[in-house]
Amino acid sequence: MARLFISEERLDAWMADGKVDLDGELMTLKEIGKSFTIRPAVRFLEVTGNEADGAELIGKVKDEEALAGLGAEHYSTSVILGEVAYEVQQGFLGDPVAGG
């Protein structure tokens, strides 16, 4: 099973509906019985302003470690990389747990 991006809104809805169990960094989807380790991440939605997406980040998902490696600054729903400002969706990157 591949990695997946879970928006904060989606995770909140799943929790409200009782569709997931969350134990620290371990999230289990009850319906399919699969578990994922999750960590904070963002999905790049668009460039704000007139700059070009020179880093080709639109549609990509990056965790906090990857953002730091790029030298990007993340605040709320924005990421700034050099002179380019991006609108991002906050959420989590989930890596499948073997056998779970």
PDB file of N, CA and C in Angstrom:
ATOM      1  N   MET A   1       0.847  -1.173   0.000  1.00  0.00           N
ATOM      2  CA  MET A   1       0.000   0.000   0.000  1.00  0.00           C
ATOM      3  C   MET A   1       0.894   1.238   0.000  1.00  0.00           C
ATOM      4  N   ALA A   2       0.494   2.261  -0.727  1.00  0.00           N
ATOM      5  CA  ALA A   2       1.285   3.477  -0.876  1.00  0.00           C
ATOM      6  C   ALA A   2       1.050   4.446   0.278  1.00  0.00           C
ATOM      7  N   ARG A   3       1.937   5.428   0.360  1.00  0.00           N
ATOM      8  CA  ARG A   3       1.741   6.532   1.300  1.00  0.00           C
ATOM      9  C   ARG A   3       0.465   7.261   0.948  1.00  0.00           C
ATOM     10  N   LEU A   4      -0.101   7.957   1.948  1.00  0.00           N
ATOM     11  CA  LEU A   4      -1.258   8.771   1.630  1.00  0.00           C
ATOM     12  C   LEU A   4      -1.219  10.077   2.398  1.00  0.00           C
ATOM     13  N   PHE A   5      -1.824  11.104   1.804  1.00  0.00           N
ATOM     14  CA  PHE A   5      -1.964  12.402   2.452  1.00  0.00           C
ATOM     15  C   PHE A   5      -3.369  12.480   3.013  1.00  0.00           C
ATOM     16  N   ILE A   6      -3.463  12.856   4.286  1.00  0.00           N
ATOM     17  CA  ILE A   6      -4.755  13.005   4.947  1.00  0.00           C
ATOM     18  C   ILE A   6      -4.850  14.447   5.413  1.00  0.00           C
ATOM     19  N   SER A   7      -5.806  15.193   4.877  1.00  0.00           N
ATOM     20  CA  SER A   7      -5.965  16.581   5.317  1.00  0.00           C
ATOM     21  C   SER A   7      -6.457  16.599   6.759  1.00  0.00           C
ATOM     22  N   GLU A   8      -6.204  17.715   7.444  1.00  0.00           N
ATOM     23  CA  GLU A   8      -6.697  17.848   8.818  1.00  0.00           C
ATOM     24  C   GLU A   8      -8.213  17.696   8.864  1.00  0.00           C
ATOM     25  N   GLU A   9      -8.894  18.269   7.867  1.00  0.00           N
ATOM     26  CA  GLU A   9     -10.354  18.192   7.819  1.00  0.00           C
ATOM     27  C   GLU A   9     -10.834  16.752   7.688  1.00  0.00           C
ATOM     28  N   ARG A  10     -10.174  15.980   6.820  1.00  0.00           N
ATOM     29  CA  ARG A  10     -10.543  14.577   6.601  1.00  0.00           C
ATOM     30  C   ARG A  10     -10.318  13.767   7.873  1.00  0.00           C
ATOM     31  N   LEU A  11      -9.177  13.972   8.516  1.00  0.00           N
ATOM     32  CA  LEU A  11      -8.891  13.233   9.741  1.00  0.00           C
ATOM     33  C   LEU A  11      -9.905  13.577  10.828  1.00  0.00           C
ATOM     34  N   ASP A  12     -10.239  14.861  10.954  1.00  0.00           N
ATOM     35  CA  ASP A  12     -11.251  15.273  11.937  1.00  0.00           C
ATOM     36  C   ASP A  12     -12.592  14.598  11.661  1.00  0.00           C
ATOM     37  N   ALA A  13     -12.992  14.551  10.382  1.00  0.00           N
ATOM     38  CA  ALA A  13     -14.268  13.927  10.006  1.00  0.00           C
ATOM     39  C   ALA A  13     -14.242  12.429  10.302  1.00  0.00           C
ATOM     40  N   TRP A  14     -13.144  11.757   9.950  1.00  0.00           N
ATOM     41  CA  TRP A  14     -13.025  10.327  10.229  1.00  0.00           C
ATOM     42  C   TRP A  14     -13.109  10.057  11.726  1.00  0.00           C
ATOM     43  N   MET A  15     -12.460  10.905  12.515  1.00  0.00           N
ATOM     44  CA  MET A  15     -12.491  10.721  13.967  1.00  0.00           C
ATOM     45  C   MET A  15     -13.903  10.938  14.506  1.00  0.00           C
ATOM     46  N   ALA A  16     -14.591  11.968  14.026  1.00  0.00           N
ATOM     47  CA  ALA A  16     -15.956  12.250  14.472  1.00  0.00           C
ATOM     48  C   ALA A  16     -16.906  11.110  14.113  1.00  0.00           C
ATOM     49  N   ASP A  17     -16.655  10.461  12.964  1.00  0.00           N
ATOM     50  CA  ASP A  17     -17.498   9.352  12.507  1.00  0.00           C
ATOM     51  C   ASP A  17     -17.050   8.001  13.064  1.00  0.00           C
ATOM     52  N   GLY A  18     -15.988   7.988  13.851  1.00  0.00           N
ATOM     53  CA  GLY A  18     -15.494   6.738  14.429  1.00  0.00           C
ATOM     54  C   GLY A  18     -14.846   5.813  13.419  1.00  0.00           C
ATOM     55  N   LYS A  19     -14.322   6.366  12.318  1.00  0.00           N
ATOM     56  CA  LYS A  19     -13.736   5.535  11.262  1.00  0.00           C
ATOM     57  C   LYS A  19     -12.259   5.237  11.475  1.00  0.00           C
ATOM     58  N   VAL A  20     -11.619   5.961  12.409  1.00  0.00           N
ATOM     59  CA  VAL A  20     -10.196   5.741  12.666  1.00  0.00           C
ATOM     60  C   VAL A  20      -9.930   5.643  14.156  1.00  0.00           C
ATOM     61  N   ASP A  21      -8.870   4.932  14.470  1.00  0.00           N
ATOM     62  CA  ASP A  21      -8.299   4.950  15.813  1.00  0.00           C
ATOM     63  C   ASP A  21      -6.982   5.699  15.689  1.00  0.00           C
ATOM     64  N   LEU A  22      -6.729   6.597  16.613  1.00  0.00           N
ATOM     65  CA  LEU A  22      -5.498   7.369  16.602  1.00  0.00           C
ATOM     66  C   LEU A  22      -4.807   7.178  17.940  1.00  0.00           C
ATOM     67  N   ASP A  23      -3.575   6.675  17.891  1.00  0.00           N
ATOM     68  CA  ASP A  23      -2.786   6.449  19.096  1.00  0.00           C
ATOM     69  C   ASP A  23      -1.406   7.046  18.860  1.00  0.00           C
ATOM     70  N   GLY A  24      -1.226   8.295  19.283  1.00  0.00           N
ATOM     71  CA  GLY A  24       0.034   8.989  19.014  1.00  0.00           C
ATOM     72  C   GLY A  24       0.200   9.189  17.523  1.00  0.00           C
ATOM     73  N   GLU A  25       1.272   8.627  16.972  1.00  0.00           N
ATOM     74  CA  GLU A  25       1.545   8.743  15.537  1.00  0.00           C
ATOM     75  C   GLU A  25       0.985   7.574  14.730  1.00  0.00           C
ATOM     76  N   LEU A  26       0.241   6.687  15.372  1.00  0.00           N
ATOM     77  CA  LEU A  26      -0.322   5.524  14.686  1.00  0.00           C
ATOM     78  C   LEU A  26      -1.811   5.734  14.426  1.00  0.00           C
ATOM     79  N   MET A  27      -2.185   5.708  13.148  1.00  0.00           N
ATOM     80  CA  MET A  27      -3.581   5.852  12.742  1.00  0.00           C
ATOM     81  C   MET A  27      -4.019   4.543  12.100  1.00  0.00           C
ATOM     82  N   THR A  28      -5.156   4.011  12.541  1.00  0.00           N
ATOM     83  CA  THR A  28      -5.692   2.776  11.974  1.00  0.00           C
ATOM     84  C   THR A  28      -7.049   3.053  11.354  1.00  0.00           C
ATOM     85  N   LEU A  29      -7.190   2.702  10.068  1.00  0.00           N
ATOM     86  CA  LEU A  29      -8.475   2.810   9.375  1.00  0.00           C
ATOM     87  C   LEU A  29      -9.274   1.559   9.721  1.00  0.00           C
ATOM     88  N   LYS A  30     -10.332   1.734  10.482  1.00  0.00           N
ATOM     89  CA  LYS A  30     -11.086   0.594  11.012  1.00  0.00           C
ATOM     90  C   LYS A  30     -11.702  -0.279   9.927  1.00  0.00           C
ATOM     91  N   GLU A  31     -12.273   0.324   8.882  1.00  0.00           N
ATOM     92  CA  GLU A  31     -12.978  -0.452   7.847  1.00  0.00           C
ATOM     93  C   GLU A  31     -12.082  -1.441   7.132  1.00  0.00           C
ATOM     94  N   ILE A  32     -10.828  -1.054   6.903  1.00  0.00           N
ATOM     95  CA  ILE A  32      -9.940  -1.943   6.151  1.00  0.00           C
ATOM     96  C   ILE A  32      -8.861  -2.563   7.027  1.00  0.00           C
ATOM     97  N   GLY A  33      -8.797  -2.133   8.290  1.00  0.00           N
ATOM     98  CA  GLY A  33      -7.835  -2.711   9.218  1.00  0.00           C
ATOM     99  C   GLY A  33      -6.388  -2.401   8.900  1.00  0.00           C
ATOM    100  N   LYS A  34      -6.124  -1.299   8.215  1.00  0.00           N
ATOM    101  CA  LYS A  34      -4.757  -0.911   7.864  1.00  0.00           C
ATOM    102  C   LYS A  34      -4.295   0.214   8.778  1.00  0.00           C
ATOM    103  N   SER A  35      -3.017   0.157   9.150  1.00  0.00           N
ATOM    104  CA  SER A  35      -2.438   1.173  10.021  1.00  0.00           C
ATOM    105  C   SER A  35      -1.354   1.951   9.290  1.00  0.00           C
ATOM    106  N   PHE A  36      -1.205   3.208   9.699  1.00  0.00           N
ATOM    107  CA  PHE A  36      -0.224   4.113   9.114  1.00  0.00           C
ATOM    108  C   PHE A  36       0.443   4.905  10.230  1.00  0.00           C
ATOM    109  N   THR A  37       1.743   5.124  10.088  1.00  0.00           N
ATOM    110  CA  THR A  37       2.386   6.102  10.952  1.00  0.00           C
ATOM    111  C   THR A  37       2.213   7.445  10.260  1.00  0.00           C
ATOM    112  N   ILE A  38       1.777   8.444  11.012  1.00  0.00           N
ATOM    113  CA  ILE A  38       1.506   9.740  10.398  1.00  0.00           C
ATOM    114  C   ILE A  38       2.425  10.805  10.978  1.00  0.00           C
ATOM    115  N   ARG A  39       2.716  11.787  10.135  1.00  0.00           N
ATOM    116  CA  ARG A  39       3.512  12.932  10.554  1.00  0.00           C
ATOM    117  C   ARG A  39       2.983  14.167   9.843  1.00  0.00           C
ATOM    118  N   PRO A  40       3.143  15.350  10.450  1.00  0.00           N
ATOM    119  CA  PRO A  40       2.628  16.576   9.836  1.00  0.00           C
ATOM    120  C   PRO A  40       3.221  16.795   8.445  1.00  0.00           C
ATOM    121  N   ALA A  41       2.363  17.265   7.534  1.00  0.00           N
ATOM    122  CA  ALA A  41       2.779  17.526   6.157  1.00  0.00           C
ATOM    123  C   ALA A  41       1.838  18.557   5.545  1.00  0.00           C
ATOM    124  N   VAL A  42       2.214  19.046   4.375  1.00  0.00           N
ATOM    125  CA  VAL A  42       1.359  19.975   3.629  1.00  0.00           C
ATOM    126  C   VAL A  42       1.265  19.520   2.179  1.00  0.00           C
ATOM    127  N   ARG A  43       0.135  19.853   1.557  1.00  0.00           N
ATOM    128  CA  ARG A  43      -0.050  19.617   0.120  1.00  0.00           C
ATOM    129  C   ARG A  43      -0.076  20.982  -0.543  1.00  0.00           C
ATOM    130  N   PHE A  44       0.758  21.168  -1.556  1.00  0.00           N
ATOM    131  CA  PHE A  44       0.863  22.447  -2.248  1.00  0.00           C
ATOM    132  C   PHE A  44      -0.297  22.605  -3.225  1.00  0.00           C
ATOM    133  N   LEU A  45      -1.076  23.695  -3.043  1.00  0.00           N
ATOM    134  CA  LEU A  45      -2.270  23.931  -3.848  1.00  0.00           C
ATOM    135  C   LEU A  45      -2.033  24.899  -4.994  1.00  0.00           C
ATOM    136  N   GLU A  46      -1.407  26.038  -4.701  1.00  0.00           N
ATOM    137  CA  GLU A  46      -1.194  27.043  -5.744  1.00  0.00           C
ATOM    138  C   GLU A  46      -0.165  28.060  -5.292  1.00  0.00           C
ATOM    139  N   VAL A  47       0.361  28.796  -6.272  1.00  0.00           N
ATOM    140  CA  VAL A  47       1.240  29.924  -5.993  1.00  0.00           C
ATOM    141  C   VAL A  47       0.351  31.134  -5.772  1.00  0.00           C
ATOM    142  N   THR A  48       0.651  31.893  -4.727  1.00  0.00           N
ATOM    143  CA  THR A  48      -0.073  33.142  -4.518  1.00  0.00           C
ATOM    144  C   THR A  48       0.779  34.258  -5.109  1.00  0.00           C
ATOM    145  N   GLY A  49       0.154  35.145  -5.856  1.00  0.00           N
ATOM    146  CA  GLY A  49       0.902  36.202  -6.529  1.00  0.00           C
ATOM    147  C   GLY A  49       1.220  35.809  -7.957  1.00  0.00           C
ATOM    148  N   ASN A  50       2.184  36.516  -8.529  1.00  0.00           N
ATOM    149  CA  ASN A  50       2.493  36.346  -9.949  1.00  0.00           C
ATOM    150  C   ASN A  50       3.761  35.548 -10.218  1.00  0.00           C
ATOM    151  N   GLU A  51       4.341  34.983  -9.188  1.00  0.00           N
ATOM    152  CA  GLU A  51       5.569  34.214  -9.368  1.00  0.00           C
ATOM    153  C   GLU A  51       5.262  32.857 -10.009  1.00  0.00           C
ATOM    154  N   ALA A  52       6.281  32.285 -10.647  1.00  0.00           N
ATOM    155  CA  ALA A  52       6.142  30.955 -11.249  1.00  0.00           C
ATOM    156  C   ALA A  52       6.506  29.887 -10.218  1.00  0.00           C
ATOM    157  N   ASP A  53       5.980  28.702 -10.404  1.00  0.00           N
ATOM    158  CA  ASP A  53       6.291  27.565  -9.537  1.00  0.00           C
ATOM    159  C   ASP A  53       7.576  26.904 -10.032  1.00  0.00           C
ATOM    160  N   GLY A  54       8.687  27.606  -9.876  1.00  0.00           N
ATOM    161  CA  GLY A  54       9.972  27.115 -10.361  1.00  0.00           C
ATOM    162  C   GLY A  54      10.406  25.816  -9.706  1.00  0.00           C
ATOM    163  N   ALA A  55       9.987  25.588  -8.480  1.00  0.00           N
ATOM    164  CA  ALA A  55      10.349  24.363  -7.762  1.00  0.00           C
ATOM    165  C   ALA A  55       9.407  23.203  -8.090  1.00  0.00           C
ATOM    166  N   GLU A  56       8.379  23.475  -8.904  1.00  0.00           N
ATOM    167  CA  GLU A  56       7.400  22.462  -9.323  1.00  0.00           C
ATOM    168  C   GLU A  56       6.798  21.721  -8.127  1.00  0.00           C
ATOM    169  N   LEU A  57       6.259  22.497  -7.182  1.00  0.00           N
ATOM    170  CA  LEU A  57       5.691  21.924  -5.965  1.00  0.00           C
ATOM    171  C   LEU A  57       4.178  21.760  -5.996  1.00  0.00           C
ATOM    172  N   ILE A  58       3.490  22.418  -6.926  1.00  0.00           N
ATOM    173  CA  ILE A  58       2.029  22.328  -6.973  1.00  0.00           C
ATOM    174  C   ILE A  58       1.614  20.858  -7.116  1.00  0.00           C
ATOM    175  N   GLY A  59       0.719  20.419  -6.216  1.00  0.00           N
ATOM    176  CA  GLY A  59       0.243  19.039  -6.232  1.00  0.00           C
ATOM    177  C   GLY A  59       1.100  18.075  -5.428  1.00  0.00           C
ATOM    178  N   LYS A  60       2.253  18.529  -4.965  1.00  0.00           N
ATOM    179  CA  LYS A  60       3.151  17.662  -4.202  1.00  0.00           C
ATOM    180  C   LYS A  60       2.852  17.764  -2.709  1.00  0.00           C
ATOM    181  N   VAL A  61       3.292  16.764  -1.970  1.00  0.00           N
ATOM    182  CA  VAL A  61       3.151  16.721  -0.512  1.00  0.00           C
ATOM    183  C   VAL A  61       4.551  16.671   0.086  1.00  0.00           C
ATOM    184  N   LYS A  62       4.776  17.516   1.083  1.00  0.00           N
ATOM    185  CA  LYS A  62       6.072  17.557   1.766  1.00  0.00           C
ATOM    186  C   LYS A  62       5.851  17.563   3.268  1.00  0.00           C
ATOM    187  N   ASP A  63       6.664  16.783   3.977  1.00  0.00           N
ATOM    188  CA  ASP A  63       6.592  16.820   5.437  1.00  0.00           C
ATOM    189  C   ASP A  63       7.509  17.930   5.952  1.00  0.00           C
ATOM    190  N   GLU A  64       7.513  18.128   7.273  1.00  0.00           N
ATOM    191  CA  GLU A  64       8.282  19.222   7.864  1.00  0.00           C
ATOM    192  C   GLU A  64       9.777  19.089   7.593  1.00  0.00           C
ATOM    193  N   GLU A  65      10.281  17.870   7.619  1.00  0.00           N
ATOM    194  CA  GLU A  65      11.701  17.643   7.353  1.00  0.00           C
ATOM    195  C   GLU A  65      12.061  18.043   5.922  1.00  0.00           C
ATOM    196  N   ALA A  66      11.211  17.683   4.968  1.00  0.00           N
ATOM    197  CA  ALA A  66      11.458  18.042   3.569  1.00  0.00           C
ATOM    198  C   ALA A  66      11.386  19.553   3.375  1.00  0.00           C
ATOM    199  N   LEU A  67      10.435  20.217   4.037  1.00  0.00           N
ATOM    200  CA  LEU A  67      10.334  21.679   3.941  1.00  0.00           C
ATOM    201  C   LEU A  67      11.603  22.338   4.473  1.00  0.00           C
ATOM    202  N   ALA A  68      12.096  21.857   5.600  1.00  0.00           N
ATOM    203  CA  ALA A  68      13.326  22.408   6.171  1.00  0.00           C
ATOM    204  C   ALA A  68      14.501  22.195   5.220  1.00  0.00           C
ATOM    205  N   GLY A  69      14.550  21.022   4.592  1.00  0.00           N
ATOM    206  CA  GLY A  69      15.609  20.725   3.637  1.00  0.00           C
ATOM    207  C   GLY A  69      15.600  21.642   2.429  1.00  0.00           C
ATOM    208  N   LEU A  70      14.405  22.097   2.054  1.00  0.00           N
ATOM    209  CA  LEU A  70      14.273  23.036   0.935  1.00  0.00           C
ATOM    210  C   LEU A  70      14.595  24.464   1.352  1.00  0.00           C
ATOM    211  N   GLY A  71      14.645  24.705   2.663  1.00  0.00           N
ATOM    212  CA  GLY A  71      14.822  26.069   3.155  1.00  0.00           C
ATOM    213  C   GLY A  71      13.524  26.850   3.145  1.00  0.00           C
ATOM    214  N   ALA A  72      12.397  26.148   3.151  1.00  0.00           N
ATOM    215  CA  ALA A  72      11.078  26.782   3.091  1.00  0.00           C
ATOM    216  C   ALA A  72      10.604  27.150   4.491  1.00  0.00           C
ATOM    217  N   GLU A  73       9.779  28.192   4.551  1.00  0.00           N
ATOM    218  CA  GLU A  73       9.163  28.620   5.801  1.00  0.00           C
ATOM    219  C   GLU A  73       7.676  28.310   5.734  1.00  0.00           C
ATOM    220  N   HIS A  74       7.176  27.589   6.746  1.00  0.00           N
ATOM    221  CA  HIS A  74       5.767  27.187   6.777  1.00  0.00           C
ATOM    222  C   HIS A  74       5.067  27.895   7.916  1.00  0.00           C
ATOM    223  N   TYR A  75       3.935  28.513   7.606  1.00  0.00           N
ATOM    224  CA  TYR A  75       3.090  29.120   8.626  1.00  0.00           C
ATOM    225  C   TYR A  75       1.637  28.951   8.211  1.00  0.00           C
ATOM    226  N   SER A  76       0.880  28.230   9.012  1.00  0.00           N
ATOM    227  CA  SER A  76      -0.548  28.027   8.780  1.00  0.00           C
ATOM    228  C   SER A  76      -0.780  27.442   7.389  1.00  0.00           C
ATOM    229  N   THR A  77      -1.462  28.170   6.517  1.00  0.00           N
ATOM    230  CA  THR A  77      -1.772  27.649   5.178  1.00  0.00           C
ATOM    231  C   THR A  77      -0.859  28.235   4.107  1.00  0.00           C
ATOM    232  N   SER A  78       0.327  28.681   4.519  1.00  0.00           N
ATOM    233  CA  SER A  78       1.282  29.265   3.576  1.00  0.00           C
ATOM    234  C   SER A  78       2.662  28.642   3.742  1.00  0.00           C
ATOM    235  N   VAL A  79       3.350  28.532   2.618  1.00  0.00           N
ATOM    236  CA  VAL A  79       4.762  28.161   2.617  1.00  0.00           C
ATOM    237  C   VAL A  79       5.469  29.159   1.714  1.00  0.00           C
ATOM    238  N   ILE A  80       6.596  29.676   2.198  1.00  0.00           N
ATOM    239  CA  ILE A  80       7.399  30.592   1.393  1.00  0.00           C
ATOM    240  C   ILE A  80       8.720  29.910   1.100  1.00  0.00           C
ATOM    241  N   LEU A  81       9.046  29.848  -0.181  1.00  0.00           N
ATOM    242  CA  LEU A  81      10.301  29.270  -0.638  1.00  0.00           C
ATOM    243  C   LEU A  81      10.978  30.318  -1.508  1.00  0.00           C
ATOM    244  N   GLY A  82      12.043  30.893  -1.002  1.00  0.00           N
ATOM    245  CA  GLY A  82      12.695  31.987  -1.715  1.00  0.00           C
ATOM    246  C   GLY A  82      11.743  33.162  -1.819  1.00  0.00           C
ATOM    247  N   GLU A  83      11.448  33.567  -3.038  1.00  0.00           N
ATOM    248  CA  GLU A  83      10.538  34.689  -3.287  1.00  0.00           C
ATOM    249  C   GLU A  83       9.122  34.230  -3.626  1.00  0.00           C
ATOM    250  N   VAL A  84       8.890  32.926  -3.594  1.00  0.00           N
ATOM    251  CA  VAL A  84       7.602  32.374  -4.016  1.00  0.00           C
ATOM    252  C   VAL A  84       6.775  31.969  -2.793  1.00  0.00           C
ATOM    253  N   ALA A  85       5.522  32.442  -2.767  1.00  0.00           N
ATOM    254  CA  ALA A  85       4.593  32.079  -1.695  1.00  0.00           C
ATOM    255  C   ALA A  85       3.578  31.083  -2.243  1.00  0.00           C
ATOM    256  N   TYR A  86       3.338  30.033  -1.491  1.00  0.00           N
ATOM    257  CA  TYR A  86       2.400  28.987  -1.878  1.00  0.00           C
ATOM    258  C   TYR A  86       1.255  28.919  -0.875  1.00  0.00           C
ATOM    259  N   GLU A  87       0.069  28.597  -1.382  1.00  0.00           N
ATOM    260  CA  GLU A  87      -1.037  28.226  -0.506  1.00  0.00           C
ATOM    261  C   GLU A  87      -0.973  26.716  -0.361  1.00  0.00           C
ATOM    262  N   VAL A  88      -1.075  26.240   0.888  1.00  0.00           N
ATOM    263  CA  VAL A  88      -0.979  24.808   1.152  1.00  0.00           C
ATOM    264  C   VAL A  88      -2.157  24.337   1.984  1.00  0.00           C
ATOM    265  N   GLN A  89      -2.404  23.044   1.908  1.00  0.00           N
ATOM    266  CA  GLN A  89      -3.407  22.393   2.748  1.00  0.00           C
ATOM    267  C   GLN A  89      -2.650  21.621   3.819  1.00  0.00           C
ATOM    268  N   GLN A  90      -2.985  21.873   5.069  1.00  0.00           N
ATOM    269  CA  GLN A  90      -2.312  21.191   6.166  1.00  0.00           C
ATOM    270  C   GLN A  90      -2.912  19.811   6.384  1.00  0.00           C
ATOM    271  N   GLY A  91      -2.062  18.902   6.798  1.00  0.00           N
ATOM    272  CA  GLY A  91      -2.531  17.555   7.059  1.00  0.00           C
ATOM    273  C   GLY A  91      -1.405  16.677   7.542  1.00  0.00           C
ATOM    274  N   PHE A  92      -1.477  15.414   7.132  1.00  0.00           N
ATOM    275  CA  PHE A  92      -0.524  14.417   7.596  1.00  0.00           C
ATOM    276  C   PHE A  92      -0.152  13.496   6.445  1.00  0.00           C
ATOM    277  N   LEU A  93       1.090  13.041   6.462  1.00  0.00           N
ATOM    278  CA  LEU A  93       1.566  12.047   5.516  1.00  0.00           C
ATOM    279  C   LEU A  93       1.576  10.718   6.252  1.00  0.00           C
ATOM    280  N   GLY A  94       0.902   9.727   5.680  1.00  0.00           N
ATOM    281  CA  GLY A  94       0.809   8.420   6.319  1.00  0.00           C
ATOM    282  C   GLY A  94       1.616   7.374   5.580  1.00  0.00           C
ATOM    283  N   ASP A  95       2.498   6.706   6.307  1.00  0.00           N
ATOM    284  CA  ASP A  95       3.272   5.595   5.760  1.00  0.00           C
ATOM    285  C   ASP A  95       2.665   4.295   6.272  1.00  0.00           C
ATOM    286  N   PRO A  96       2.370   3.349   5.371  1.00  0.00           N
ATOM    287  CA  PRO A  96       1.751   2.093   5.808  1.00  0.00           C
ATOM    288  C   PRO A  96       2.659   1.317   6.756  1.00  0.00           C
ATOM    289  N   VAL A  97       2.042   0.699   7.739  1.00  0.00           N
ATOM    290  CA  VAL A  97       2.754  -0.152   8.688  1.00  0.00           C
ATOM    291  C   VAL A  97       2.669  -1.580   8.158  1.00  0.00           C
ATOM    292  N   ALA A  98       3.803  -2.237   8.050  1.00  0.00           N
ATOM    293  CA  ALA A  98       3.824  -3.617   7.553  1.00  0.00           C
ATOM    294  C   ALA A  98       2.970  -4.509   8.445  1.00  0.00           C
ATOM    295  N   GLY A  99       2.093  -5.272   7.809  1.00  0.00           N
ATOM    296  CA  GLY A  99       1.241  -6.202   8.527  1.00  0.00           C
ATOM    297  C   GLY A  99       0.117  -5.564   9.321  1.00  0.00           C
ATOM    298  N   GLY A 100      -0.091  -4.256   9.104  1.00  0.00           N
ATOM    299  CA  GLY A 100      -1.128  -3.612   9.910  1.00  0.00           C
ATOM    300  C   GLY A 100      -1.953  -2.689   9.202  1.00  0.00           C
TER     301      GLY A 100
END
